[in-house]
N, C-alpha and C. Protein backbone atom coordinates (compact mmCIF):
# COMPACT_ATOMS: atom_id res chain seq x y z
N MET A 1 -4.46 -24.01 -9.54
CA MET A 1 -5.11 -22.63 -9.71
C MET A 1 -5.39 -21.94 -8.48
N GLY A 2 -5.14 -20.97 -8.51
CA GLY A 2 -5.79 -20.57 -7.17
C GLY A 2 -6.97 -19.37 -7.52
N VAL A 3 -7.21 -18.76 -6.30
CA VAL A 3 -8.38 -17.48 -6.47
C VAL A 3 -7.83 -16.40 -5.61
N GLU A 4 -7.82 -15.07 -6.60
CA GLU A 4 -7.49 -14.27 -5.88
C GLU A 4 -8.53 -12.92 -5.41
N ALA A 5 -8.50 -12.40 -4.14
CA ALA A 5 -9.67 -11.03 -4.14
C ALA A 5 -9.06 -10.52 -3.01
N GLU A 6 -10.00 -9.35 -2.51
CA GLU A 6 -9.65 -8.50 -1.62
C GLU A 6 -10.68 -8.26 -0.67
N GLN A 7 -10.50 -7.77 0.38
CA GLN A 7 -11.65 -8.11 1.61
C GLN A 7 -11.09 -7.08 2.41
N ILE A 8 -12.06 -6.63 3.39
CA ILE A 8 -11.62 -5.73 4.51
C ILE A 8 -11.69 -6.73 5.84
N GLN A 9 -10.61 -6.94 6.51
CA GLN A 9 -10.39 -7.77 7.60
C GLN A 9 -9.29 -6.92 8.54
N TYR A 10 -9.71 -7.61 9.98
CA TYR A 10 -8.95 -6.82 11.04
C TYR A 10 -7.53 -7.29 10.76
N CYS A 11 -6.72 -6.44 10.95
CA CYS A 11 -4.99 -6.77 10.96
C CYS A 11 -4.57 -6.59 12.59
N GLU A 12 -3.77 -7.80 12.80
CA GLU A 12 -3.29 -7.83 14.21
C GLU A 12 -2.41 -6.87 14.21
N ASN A 13 -1.49 -6.30 13.34
CA ASN A 13 -0.31 -5.40 13.31
C ASN A 13 -0.74 -4.22 13.22
N CYS A 14 -1.60 -3.65 12.47
CA CYS A 14 -2.36 -2.54 12.74
C CYS A 14 -3.23 -1.94 13.88
N LYS A 15 -3.77 -3.22 14.21
CA LYS A 15 -4.81 -2.68 15.35
C LYS A 15 -6.21 -2.24 14.76
N GLU A 16 -6.27 -2.36 13.28
CA GLU A 16 -7.71 -2.01 12.80
C GLU A 16 -8.03 -2.89 11.49
N GLU A 17 -9.15 -2.09 11.20
CA GLU A 17 -9.74 -2.96 9.97
C GLU A 17 -8.97 -2.45 8.67
N THR A 18 -8.16 -3.42 7.81
CA THR A 18 -7.70 -2.64 6.70
C THR A 18 -8.25 -3.61 5.21
N LEU A 19 -7.70 -3.20 4.28
CA LEU A 19 -7.92 -3.68 2.93
C LEU A 19 -6.70 -4.97 3.16
N HIS A 20 -7.58 -6.22 2.80
CA HIS A 20 -6.50 -7.19 2.58
C HIS A 20 -6.66 -7.69 1.50
N LYS A 21 -5.55 -8.62 0.87
CA LYS A 21 -5.23 -9.05 -0.71
C LYS A 21 -5.25 -10.29 -0.23
N THR A 22 -6.53 -11.31 -0.50
CA THR A 22 -6.46 -12.85 -0.26
C THR A 22 -6.01 -13.47 -1.31
N TYR A 23 -5.49 -14.73 -1.33
CA TYR A 23 -5.12 -16.01 -2.39
C TYR A 23 -5.31 -17.21 -1.49
N GLU A 24 -6.32 -17.88 -2.26
CA GLU A 24 -6.80 -19.08 -1.99
C GLU A 24 -6.20 -20.17 -3.21
N ASP A 25 -5.85 -21.03 -2.25
CA ASP A 25 -5.39 -22.31 -3.44
C ASP A 25 -5.99 -23.55 -2.55
N ALA A 26 -5.99 -24.64 -2.95
CA ALA A 26 -6.34 -25.96 -2.83
C ALA A 26 -6.04 -26.53 -1.09
N MET A 27 -4.76 -25.89 -0.80
CA MET A 27 -4.57 -26.29 0.51
C MET A 27 -4.56 -25.13 1.72
N GLU A 28 -4.70 -23.90 1.27
CA GLU A 28 -4.43 -22.81 2.33
C GLU A 28 -5.22 -21.43 1.86
N ILE A 29 -5.25 -20.31 2.91
CA ILE A 29 -5.94 -19.18 2.20
C ILE A 29 -4.42 -18.13 2.90
N THR A 30 -4.11 -17.26 2.19
CA THR A 30 -3.23 -16.28 2.31
C THR A 30 -3.71 -15.03 2.53
N TYR A 31 -3.73 -14.71 3.55
CA TYR A 31 -3.90 -12.77 3.95
C TYR A 31 -3.13 -12.08 3.92
N ARG A 32 -3.02 -10.84 3.13
CA ARG A 32 -1.97 -9.80 3.49
C ARG A 32 -2.02 -8.73 3.17
N CYS A 33 -1.90 -7.70 4.67
CA CYS A 33 -2.60 -6.45 4.77
C CYS A 33 -1.78 -5.87 3.69
N THR A 34 -2.91 -4.63 3.14
CA THR A 34 -2.05 -3.63 2.09
C THR A 34 -1.72 -2.63 2.54
N GLN A 35 -1.73 -2.33 4.08
CA GLN A 35 -1.00 -1.00 4.67
C GLN A 35 0.13 -1.65 5.41
N CYS A 36 0.57 -2.87 5.92
CA CYS A 36 1.52 -3.19 6.66
C CYS A 36 2.24 -4.27 5.96
N GLU A 37 1.69 -4.59 5.17
CA GLU A 37 2.15 -5.94 4.30
C GLU A 37 2.24 -7.43 5.07
N GLU A 38 1.77 -7.15 6.42
CA GLU A 38 1.57 -8.25 7.27
C GLU A 38 0.99 -9.70 6.30
N GLU A 39 1.69 -10.91 6.70
CA GLU A 39 0.59 -11.75 6.00
C GLU A 39 0.66 -13.08 6.99
N SER A 40 -0.33 -13.66 6.76
CA SER A 40 -0.81 -14.73 7.60
C SER A 40 -1.57 -15.74 6.79
N GLU A 41 -1.61 -16.91 6.97
CA GLU A 41 -1.88 -18.05 6.25
C GLU A 41 -2.86 -19.01 6.95
N VAL A 42 -3.83 -19.45 6.72
CA VAL A 42 -5.01 -20.28 6.97
C VAL A 42 -4.70 -21.84 6.34
N PHE A 43 -4.52 -22.95 7.01
CA PHE A 43 -4.55 -24.17 5.96
C PHE A 43 -5.94 -24.67 6.60
N LYS A 44 -6.26 -25.40 5.21
CA LYS A 44 -7.52 -25.88 5.28
C LYS A 44 -7.47 -27.18 5.90
N SER A 45 -8.33 -27.56 6.81
CA SER A 45 -8.57 -29.01 7.23
C SER A 45 -9.55 -29.76 6.52
N PHE A 46 -9.37 -30.89 6.02
CA PHE A 46 -10.53 -31.82 5.42
C PHE A 46 -11.34 -32.71 6.13
N PHE A 47 -11.00 -32.77 7.64
CA PHE A 47 -11.45 -33.61 8.64
C PHE A 47 -12.88 -33.06 9.27
């Protein structure tokens, strides 16, 4: 089961701060820019 949220964050593609939809599950966090639809993932490390 994951958690969805929205947050303002810098987009490398747009070169400005934009609204991102975030989705977090047990293994990773996915960020998707609402302007350009660029998606990035951050894998969680438990070490």
